[in-house]
Amino acid sequence: MFKTVTGNIRYIKNAFHESKGYTFLIVLLNTLVSCMLALKVLAVGKLIDDAGAFQELGISRITMDACLIIVVYLLEYVFASVQSYLNYKFTIRLNNRMEDRYYSKLSCVKYAVLEDNDKNNLIYQAKDGIGKKFAEGFSRVLDLAGLVVRIGSMFFVILTKNVWTGLLLLVVFCCLLPLYRKIGEDNYEAYAESNKEFRRARSYRLVVSDREYANERQVFGYFPFFNEKWKARYHSAIEKELKASRQNHLKILVITAAVAALTTLLSGVMLPALLNGSITLGVYVVLVTQLYNLVHYMSWNFSYIIDDLSENQLYLNDFDAFMKLDEVSGADSGAEASGDHLEIRVENLSFRYPGCEEYVLKNFSFVFRKGKHYAIVGKNGAGKTTLVKLLLGLYDDYEGKILINGTDLRRLSREEIHNVFSTVFQDYAKYALTVKENVLLDQVDRPEKQQQAEDVLARLGVLGEIRQLRDGMNTYLGKIDQNGVDLSGGQWQKIAIARGAVPDAGVYILDEPSSSLDPISERNLYEIYNRIFKDRTTILITHRLGNTRDQDEILVLDAGSLVEHGHHTVLMEQKSVYYDMYIRQRSWYHEETL
């Protein structure tokens, strides 16, 4: 139990770090509100005793006692109201701060971490509580402190009246702590397990509701299939939580009944003190009443607080583990990664994904030079996309070297790598932003880039269509905005290509940009692609050979190894792997001769 409480103290430390003033005032007010219980017990007890001696003391004493009670209750209300207001303001501030910390960390996490299923679950766990757990954790520690002050003040009052009753109550309180801690830990474990089920359930619900799946929903009529899957996962998650809840409530009910019986016994223990005059009738009546109130605090209220504290401690452990996830390293080279001279030298590059024994790339070596156009081809699974990920610095646990102008890629910062490469991915993103923002992203406020974006869109043959939209380049895309416009697949693809073409990078990579197009549309796209990137260094990744004849050099990957490279004519003369691929595909492009 001590470990649970000390673990949650971090919530208070975190709050102090955010604002010492707010935290101090809230803690002070919480303490004052909690102390009011003992004052109310003494004040009400005094009123009852004085009422019994009304004939001797007169109306003035009773009036003063009543006024004292009113003052105590008013003070409690004022303190609680101010604390509630400060809590509200501080909660918003604290949650915003922790969300900033979370997303700042997430933006620096290594790509390899994001592809690890266990670490992805950890990221989701941390995200799921980021908007509520820190404020809730802070409040729960205050609730516990307030409860301890209430109980402590009652112990003090009882101890001053009857020592044995106070000591017995203290023993009961201490015995309850480990029981409630165990309940809290069981709850969190059930929550973590059910959360995995909820994630899967939400993915199925997305299939039956999201617009992206609308076509196949209508064509295949798979709504009942996915709906049943959603129900199974959702009900499994709910059952896990309900099972834990039923067990916990049963445990608490048994504990409450036992404590209530003991409290009745304690009330009897205090009778001799009442009879011998150690305590007055008024104090006895109020103490007995408050003892039963304490039973409520020490059973249901206290159980909920300890339950939450245990869950919050485990959440903090998850959050700390999230904050320790591997980050992309910063720059320490001081090297110019791009410029007039650009050379990318790959030496004996081998790589296998974490947890896999098979190498995806084996001893790959090559030199990419400025101003050249390259195509990397091969069957699906040959290692093409993996090579792109390594060039982009998404993984750094590879064997061999990737040198940018002689500097190891692993010594470059993310910004320096961005200066070297700009990429159009096969699975490009569709942002619910304006056309201009979709193309320029964080460069949207640079006038020269806005003109460049329009030039690229014009060369892609889509600018005229965009200008016909309601707000032209400022038209929102997607269906989130009320006036948002959706584009065809080809238009979205050209927006993605423009996004990759606008940055002033040293090398432009297109990863399977035409995989969803028919061969004729693919050829037309490549004609546009060749015009846009004519004077730039490019690397084209593809398993379809519709544009390889126009590249300066073709690299052929097979089972992770570079098996041949050279110009189209040279490779066709060798009649090896590339030749076989091209012969099988040439009919797609209506070519009769080689």
Foldseek 3Di string as FASTA:
>chain_A
DVVLLVLLCVLLVLLCVLPVVLSVLLLVLLLLLLLLLLVLLVLQLVLVVCVVVCVPPHDVVNVVSVVSNVVSVVSNVVSVVVSVVSLVVSLVVSLVVQVVVLVVLVVFFFLLLCVDPVSVLLNVLLVVCSNPLSSVSSVLSSVVVSLCSNLVSLLVVVCQLPVVLSVVVVVLLVVCQVVLLVLLQLLLVLLSVLVVLQVVLVVLVCCLDPPVNVVVCVVVVCNVVSVVVSVVSNVVSVVSNVVSVVVLVVVLVVSLVVQVVVLVVSLVVCVVSCVVVSDDPSSSVSSSVVSNVSSCCSGVVVSVSSSSSSNSSVSVVSVVVSSPRDGQDAADPPDQLDDPWKKKWWFQKWDDRPPDDAILAGGATDMATWQFEEEEAEDPSLCLVVVVCVLLVSDDPIPTAIAIVHHGPSNHGNVSSVQAEFEQAQPHDDDQFFLLCLQAPVCSPPVVLSVLLLVQCVLQVCQVVQCPDPVRRRAGDDVPDVRHHHDDPSVVLSSSVSSRLSRNHQEYEYAASCVPDQLVVVLVNVVSVCVSCVRHHYYYYYNACSPQQVGQKYFYGGSNYGPDMGHPVVVCVVCDDVVVSCVVRVVSVVDPDD
